[in-house]
């Protein structure tokens, strides 16, 4: 694991409606993970996803594999 701090990022597609997640993509290179957290609870729990799994998830969202909202 790394001692590097996550640099949290919220998508520019977020309209500040309160249903947002943030990711810390800066940890991909040093630790191979993408931490994800609820933007409304920055001190709450977070999930760490393997970078390749997160990348596959995002690609599936872009192709509409999970439907549309």
PDB file of N, CA and C in Angstrom:
ATOM      1  N   UNK A   1       0.849  -1.178   0.000  1.00  0.00           N
ATOM      2  CA  UNK A   1       0.000   0.000   0.000  1.00  0.00           C
ATOM      3  C   UNK A   1       0.891   1.237   0.000  1.00  0.00           C
ATOM      4  N   UNK A   2       0.316   2.330  -0.350  1.00  0.00           N
ATOM      5  CA  UNK A   2       1.054   3.577  -0.431  1.00  0.00           C
ATOM      6  C   UNK A   2       0.647   4.523   0.703  1.00  0.00           C
ATOM      7  N   UNK A   3       1.507   5.474   0.983  1.00  0.00           N
ATOM      8  CA  UNK A   3       1.162   6.496   1.972  1.00  0.00           C
ATOM      9  C   UNK A   3       0.617   7.741   1.282  1.00  0.00           C
ATOM     10  N   UNK A   4       0.509   7.697  -0.035  1.00  0.00           N
ATOM     11  CA  UNK A   4      -0.016   8.823  -0.793  1.00  0.00           C
ATOM     12  C   UNK A   4      -1.486   9.063  -0.438  1.00  0.00           C
ATOM     13  N   UNK A   5      -1.838  10.323  -0.277  1.00  0.00           N
ATOM     14  CA  UNK A   5      -3.222  10.681   0.050  1.00  0.00           C
ATOM     15  C   UNK A   5      -4.070  10.704  -1.213  1.00  0.00           C
ATOM     16  N   UNK A   6      -5.323  10.275  -1.102  1.00  0.00           N
ATOM     17  CA  UNK A   6      -6.215  10.343  -2.266  1.00  0.00           C
ATOM     18  C   UNK A   6      -6.555  11.790  -2.614  1.00  0.00           C
ATOM     19  N   UNK A   7      -6.599  12.060  -3.896  1.00  0.00           N
ATOM     20  CA  UNK A   7      -7.040  13.366  -4.402  1.00  0.00           C
ATOM     21  C   UNK A   7      -8.433  13.141  -4.984  1.00  0.00           C
ATOM     22  N   UNK A   8      -9.463  13.487  -4.227  1.00  0.00           N
ATOM     23  CA  UNK A   8     -10.840  13.178  -4.586  1.00  0.00           C
ATOM     24  C   UNK A   8     -11.321  14.038  -5.736  1.00  0.00           C
ATOM     25  N   UNK A   9     -12.094  13.419  -6.627  1.00  0.00           N
ATOM     26  CA  UNK A   9     -12.580  14.045  -7.843  1.00  0.00           C
ATOM     27  C   UNK A   9     -14.046  13.688  -8.032  1.00  0.00           C
ATOM     28  N   UNK A  10     -14.865  14.680  -8.302  1.00  0.00           N
ATOM     29  CA  UNK A  10     -16.271  14.459  -8.619  1.00  0.00           C
ATOM     30  C   UNK A  10     -16.463  14.771 -10.098  1.00  0.00           C
ATOM     31  N   UNK A  11     -17.198  13.949 -10.792  1.00  0.00           N
ATOM     32  CA  UNK A  11     -17.417  14.113 -12.221  1.00  0.00           C
ATOM     33  C   UNK A  11     -17.985  15.478 -12.563  1.00  0.00           C
ATOM     34  N   UNK A  12     -17.564  16.003 -13.694  1.00  0.00           N
ATOM     35  CA  UNK A  12     -18.129  17.259 -14.179  1.00  0.00           C
ATOM     36  C   UNK A  12     -19.583  17.069 -14.610  1.00  0.00           C
ATOM     37  N   UNK A  13     -20.023  15.828 -14.778  1.00  0.00           N
ATOM     38  CA  UNK A  13     -21.419  15.535 -15.111  1.00  0.00           C
ATOM     39  C   UNK A  13     -22.324  15.629 -13.889  1.00  0.00           C
ATOM     40  N   UNK A  14     -21.733  15.726 -12.722  1.00  0.00           N
ATOM     41  CA  UNK A  14     -22.504  15.841 -11.495  1.00  0.00           C
ATOM     42  C   UNK A  14     -23.165  17.210 -11.463  1.00  0.00           C
ATOM     43  N   UNK A  15     -24.450  17.224 -11.160  1.00  0.00           N
ATOM     44  CA  UNK A  15     -25.163  18.506 -11.130  1.00  0.00           C
ATOM     45  C   UNK A  15     -25.389  18.994  -9.707  1.00  0.00           C
ATOM     46  N   UNK A  16     -24.609  18.479  -8.770  1.00  0.00           N
ATOM     47  CA  UNK A  16     -24.729  18.852  -7.363  1.00  0.00           C
ATOM     48  C   UNK A  16     -26.114  18.552  -6.800  1.00  0.00           C
ATOM     49  N   UNK A  17     -26.755  17.529  -7.306  1.00  0.00           N
ATOM     50  CA  UNK A  17     -28.064  17.134  -6.815  1.00  0.00           C
ATOM     51  C   UNK A  17     -27.999  16.311  -5.555  1.00  0.00           C
ATOM     52  N   UNK A  18     -26.799  16.008  -5.072  1.00  0.00           N
ATOM     53  CA  UNK A  18     -26.648  15.283  -3.831  1.00  0.00           C
ATOM     54  C   UNK A  18     -26.419  13.793  -3.986  1.00  0.00           C
ATOM     55  N   UNK A  19     -26.597  13.253  -5.181  1.00  0.00           N
ATOM     56  CA  UNK A  19     -26.395  11.818  -5.395  1.00  0.00           C
ATOM     57  C   UNK A  19     -25.094  11.592  -6.154  1.00  0.00           C
ATOM     58  N   UNK A  20     -23.993  11.940  -5.546  1.00  0.00           N
ATOM     59  CA  UNK A  20     -22.708  11.896  -6.236  1.00  0.00           C
ATOM     60  C   UNK A  20     -21.726  10.967  -5.538  1.00  0.00           C
ATOM     61  N   UNK A  21     -20.840  10.437  -6.321  1.00  0.00           N
ATOM     62  CA  UNK A  21     -19.705   9.705  -5.783  1.00  0.00           C
ATOM     63  C   UNK A  21     -18.446  10.431  -6.213  1.00  0.00           C
ATOM     64  N   UNK A  22     -17.392  10.219  -5.461  1.00  0.00           N
ATOM     65  CA  UNK A  22     -16.088  10.776  -5.785  1.00  0.00           C
ATOM     66  C   UNK A  22     -15.110   9.621  -5.913  1.00  0.00           C
ATOM     67  N   UNK A  23     -14.136   9.798  -6.790  1.00  0.00           N
ATOM     68  CA  UNK A  23     -13.081   8.796  -6.940  1.00  0.00           C
ATOM     69  C   UNK A  23     -11.733   9.468  -6.735  1.00  0.00           C
ATOM     70  N   UNK A  24     -10.733   8.663  -6.441  1.00  0.00           N
ATOM     71  CA  UNK A  24      -9.361   9.155  -6.291  1.00  0.00           C
ATOM     72  C   UNK A  24      -8.488   8.383  -7.273  1.00  0.00           C
ATOM     73  N   UNK A  25      -8.490   8.832  -8.515  1.00  0.00           N
ATOM     74  CA  UNK A  25      -7.760   8.134  -9.577  1.00  0.00           C
ATOM     75  C   UNK A  25      -6.248   8.226  -9.424  1.00  0.00           C
ATOM     76  N   UNK A  26      -5.763   9.139  -8.592  1.00  0.00           N
ATOM     77  CA  UNK A  26      -4.314   9.291  -8.440  1.00  0.00           C
ATOM     78  C   UNK A  26      -3.643   8.074  -7.815  1.00  0.00           C
ATOM     79  N   UNK A  27      -4.412   7.182  -7.185  1.00  0.00           N
ATOM     80  CA  UNK A  27      -3.815   6.007  -6.546  1.00  0.00           C
ATOM     81  C   UNK A  27      -3.662   4.812  -7.485  1.00  0.00           C
ATOM     82  N   UNK A  28      -4.144   4.939  -8.726  1.00  0.00           N
ATOM     83  CA  UNK A  28      -4.046   3.830  -9.679  1.00  0.00           C
ATOM     84  C   UNK A  28      -2.585   3.458  -9.923  1.00  0.00           C
ATOM     85  N   UNK A  29      -1.751   4.426 -10.172  1.00  0.00           N
ATOM     86  CA  UNK A  29      -0.352   4.151 -10.513  1.00  0.00           C
ATOM     87  C   UNK A  29       0.416   3.554  -9.342  1.00  0.00           C
ATOM     88  N   UNK A  30       0.232   4.104  -8.154  1.00  0.00           N
ATOM     89  CA  UNK A  30       1.022   3.661  -7.008  1.00  0.00           C
ATOM     90  C   UNK A  30       0.494   2.405  -6.330  1.00  0.00           C
ATOM     91  N   UNK A  31      -0.831   2.179  -6.394  1.00  0.00           N
ATOM     92  CA  UNK A  31      -1.368   1.028  -5.671  1.00  0.00           C
ATOM     93  C   UNK A  31      -2.335   0.165  -6.470  1.00  0.00           C
ATOM     94  N   UNK A  32      -2.683   0.575  -7.679  1.00  0.00           N
ATOM     95  CA  UNK A  32      -3.561  -0.232  -8.516  1.00  0.00           C
ATOM     96  C   UNK A  32      -5.008  -0.257  -8.077  1.00  0.00           C
ATOM     97  N   UNK A  33      -5.414   0.725  -7.270  1.00  0.00           N
ATOM     98  CA  UNK A  33      -6.803   0.773  -6.801  1.00  0.00           C
ATOM     99  C   UNK A  33      -7.445   2.103  -7.158  1.00  0.00           C
ATOM    100  N   UNK A  34      -8.784   2.095  -7.172  1.00  0.00           N
ATOM    101  CA  UNK A  34      -9.566   3.316  -7.336  1.00  0.00           C
ATOM    102  C   UNK A  34     -10.510   3.395  -6.140  1.00  0.00           C
ATOM    103  N   UNK A  35     -10.188   4.231  -5.161  1.00  0.00           N
ATOM    104  CA  UNK A  35     -11.098   4.421  -4.036  1.00  0.00           C
ATOM    105  C   UNK A  35     -12.338   5.202  -4.492  1.00  0.00           C
ATOM    106  N   UNK A  36     -13.495   4.833  -3.947  1.00  0.00           N
ATOM    107  CA  UNK A  36     -14.767   5.488  -4.267  1.00  0.00           C
ATOM    108  C   UNK A  36     -15.469   5.795  -2.945  1.00  0.00           C
ATOM    109  N   UNK A  37     -16.042   7.007  -2.849  1.00  0.00           N
ATOM    110  CA  UNK A  37     -16.767   7.374  -1.637  1.00  0.00           C
ATOM    111  C   UNK A  37     -17.999   8.199  -1.997  1.00  0.00           C
ATOM    112  N   UNK A  38     -18.910   8.313  -1.058  1.00  0.00           N
ATOM    113  CA  UNK A  38     -20.101   9.134  -1.181  1.00  0.00           C
ATOM    114  C   UNK A  38     -19.697  10.584  -0.920  1.00  0.00           C
ATOM    115  N   UNK A  39     -19.985  11.475  -1.847  1.00  0.00           N
ATOM    116  CA  UNK A  39     -19.568  12.869  -1.682  1.00  0.00           C
ATOM    117  C   UNK A  39     -20.272  13.555  -0.513  1.00  0.00           C
ATOM    118  N   UNK A  40     -21.432  13.038  -0.105  1.00  0.00           N
ATOM    119  CA  UNK A  40     -22.142  13.631   1.025  1.00  0.00           C
ATOM    120  C   UNK A  40     -21.548  13.216   2.368  1.00  0.00           C
ATOM    121  N   UNK A  41     -20.724  12.177   2.362  1.00  0.00           N
ATOM    122  CA  UNK A  41     -20.128  11.664   3.606  1.00  0.00           C
ATOM    123  C   UNK A  41     -18.626  11.467   3.410  1.00  0.00           C
ATOM    124  N   UNK A  42     -17.879  12.543   3.239  1.00  0.00           N
ATOM    125  CA  UNK A  42     -16.452  12.414   2.933  1.00  0.00           C
ATOM    126  C   UNK A  42     -15.627  11.724   4.019  1.00  0.00           C
ATOM    127  N   UNK A  43     -16.131  11.695   5.232  1.00  0.00           N
ATOM    128  CA  UNK A  43     -15.415  11.000   6.306  1.00  0.00           C
ATOM    129  C   UNK A  43     -15.981   9.610   6.566  1.00  0.00           C
ATOM    130  N   UNK A  44     -16.933   9.210   5.751  1.00  0.00           N
ATOM    131  CA  UNK A  44     -17.558   7.898   5.901  1.00  0.00           C
ATOM    132  C   UNK A  44     -16.736   6.813   5.231  1.00  0.00           C
ATOM    133  N   UNK A  45     -17.344   5.654   5.065  1.00  0.00           N
ATOM    134  CA  UNK A  45     -16.628   4.528   4.468  1.00  0.00           C
ATOM    135  C   UNK A  45     -16.332   4.763   2.995  1.00  0.00           C
ATOM    136  N   UNK A  46     -15.353   4.041   2.496  1.00  0.00           N
ATOM    137  CA  UNK A  46     -15.047   4.080   1.071  1.00  0.00           C
ATOM    138  C   UNK A  46     -14.835   2.659   0.589  1.00  0.00           C
ATOM    139  N   UNK A  47     -14.950   2.494  -0.707  1.00  0.00           N
ATOM    140  CA  UNK A  47     -14.717   1.202  -1.347  1.00  0.00           C
ATOM    141  C   UNK A  47     -13.484   1.318  -2.213  1.00  0.00           C
ATOM    142  N   UNK A  48     -12.618   0.317  -2.170  1.00  0.00           N
ATOM    143  CA  UNK A  48     -11.431   0.275  -3.022  1.00  0.00           C
ATOM    144  C   UNK A  48     -11.644  -0.781  -4.088  1.00  0.00           C
ATOM    145  N   UNK A  49     -11.627  -0.348  -5.349  1.00  0.00           N
ATOM    146  CA  UNK A  49     -11.795  -1.260  -6.471  1.00  0.00           C
ATOM    147  C   UNK A  49     -10.477  -1.441  -7.202  1.00  0.00           C
ATOM    148  N   UNK A  50     -10.184  -2.667  -7.659  1.00  0.00           N
ATOM    149  CA  UNK A  50      -9.011  -2.842  -8.520  1.00  0.00           C
ATOM    150  C   UNK A  50      -9.192  -1.958  -9.765  1.00  0.00           C
ATOM    151  N   UNK A  51      -8.121  -1.336 -10.207  1.00  0.00           N
ATOM    152  CA  UNK A  51      -8.195  -0.391 -11.317  1.00  0.00           C
ATOM    153  C   UNK A  51      -8.791  -1.018 -12.571  1.00  0.00           C
ATOM    154  N   UNK A  52      -8.440  -2.264 -12.885  1.00  0.00           N
ATOM    155  CA  UNK A  52      -8.971  -2.886 -14.101  1.00  0.00           C
ATOM    156  C   UNK A  52     -10.474  -3.147 -13.976  1.00  0.00           C
ATOM    157  N   UNK A  53     -10.945  -3.498 -12.799  1.00  0.00           N
ATOM    158  CA  UNK A  53     -12.376  -3.718 -12.586  1.00  0.00           C
ATOM    159  C   UNK A  53     -13.143  -2.400 -12.702  1.00  0.00           C
ATOM    160  N   UNK A  54     -12.593  -1.330 -12.147  1.00  0.00           N
ATOM    161  CA  UNK A  54     -13.253  -0.030 -12.232  1.00  0.00           C
ATOM    162  C   UNK A  54     -13.307   0.444 -13.678  1.00  0.00           C
ATOM    163  N   UNK A  55     -12.225   0.245 -14.401  1.00  0.00           N
ATOM    164  CA  UNK A  55     -12.174   0.625 -15.809  1.00  0.00           C
ATOM    165  C   UNK A  55     -13.226  -0.134 -16.625  1.00  0.00           C
ATOM    166  N   UNK A  56     -13.377  -1.422 -16.359  1.00  0.00           N
ATOM    167  CA  UNK A  56     -14.392  -2.230 -17.052  1.00  0.00           C
ATOM    168  C   UNK A  56     -15.794  -1.734 -16.712  1.00  0.00           C
ATOM    169  N   UNK A  57     -16.019  -1.393 -15.460  1.00  0.00           N
ATOM    170  CA  UNK A  57     -17.315  -0.868 -15.023  1.00  0.00           C
ATOM    171  C   UNK A  57     -17.658   0.418 -15.770  1.00  0.00           C
ATOM    172  N   UNK A  58     -16.716   1.351 -15.838  1.00  0.00           N
ATOM    173  CA  UNK A  58     -16.945   2.622 -16.526  1.00  0.00           C
ATOM    174  C   UNK A  58     -17.205   2.378 -18.015  1.00  0.00           C
ATOM    175  N   UNK A  59     -16.452   1.488 -18.624  1.00  0.00           N
ATOM    176  CA  UNK A  59     -16.663   1.171 -20.043  1.00  0.00           C
ATOM    177  C   UNK A  59     -18.067   0.611 -20.261  1.00  0.00           C
ATOM    178  N   UNK A  60     -18.537  -0.230 -19.349  1.00  0.00           N
ATOM    179  CA  UNK A  60     -19.886  -0.794 -19.451  1.00  0.00           C
ATOM    180  C   UNK A  60     -20.956   0.282 -19.301  1.00  0.00           C
ATOM    181  N   UNK A  61     -20.726   1.244 -18.419  1.00  0.00           N
ATOM    182  CA  UNK A  61     -21.664   2.362 -18.283  1.00  0.00           C
ATOM    183  C   UNK A  61     -21.757   3.156 -19.574  1.00  0.00           C
ATOM    184  N   UNK A  62     -20.602   3.405 -20.185  1.00  0.00           N
ATOM    185  CA  UNK A  62     -20.566   4.200 -21.424  1.00  0.00           C
ATOM    186  C   UNK A  62     -21.285   3.511 -22.574  1.00  0.00           C
ATOM    187  N   UNK A  63     -21.287   2.195 -22.607  1.00  0.00           N
ATOM    188  CA  UNK A  63     -21.951   1.472 -23.689  1.00  0.00           C
ATOM    189  C   UNK A  63     -23.420   1.209 -23.399  1.00  0.00           C
ATOM    190  N   UNK A  64     -23.887   1.578 -22.201  1.00  0.00           N
ATOM    191  CA  UNK A  64     -25.280   1.392 -21.851  1.00  0.00           C
ATOM    192  C   UNK A  64     -25.631  -0.011 -21.399  1.00  0.00           C
ATOM    193  N   UNK A  65     -24.625  -0.795 -21.039  1.00  0.00           N
ATOM    194  CA  UNK A  65     -24.851  -2.181 -20.635  1.00  0.00           C
ATOM    195  C   UNK A  65     -25.821  -2.315 -19.462  1.00  0.00           C
ATOM    196  N   UNK A  66     -25.867  -1.324 -18.590  1.00  0.00           N
ATOM    197  CA  UNK A  66     -26.720  -1.378 -17.414  1.00  0.00           C
ATOM    198  C   UNK A  66     -28.028  -0.620 -17.595  1.00  0.00           C
ATOM    199  N   UNK A  67     -28.294  -0.186 -18.810  1.00  0.00           N
ATOM    200  CA  UNK A  67     -29.503   0.595 -19.067  1.00  0.00           C
ATOM    201  C   UNK A  67     -29.247   2.068 -18.848  1.00  0.00           C
ATOM    202  N   UNK A  68     -30.323   2.835 -18.909  1.00  0.00           N
ATOM    203  CA  UNK A  68     -30.177   4.283 -18.701  1.00  0.00           C
ATOM    204  C   UNK A  68     -31.022   4.716 -17.514  1.00  0.00           C
ATOM    205  N   UNK A  69     -30.698   5.859 -16.996  1.00  0.00           N
ATOM    206  CA  UNK A  69     -31.393   6.377 -15.818  1.00  0.00           C
ATOM    207  C   UNK A  69     -32.467   7.347 -16.257  1.00  0.00           C
TER     208      UNK A  69
END
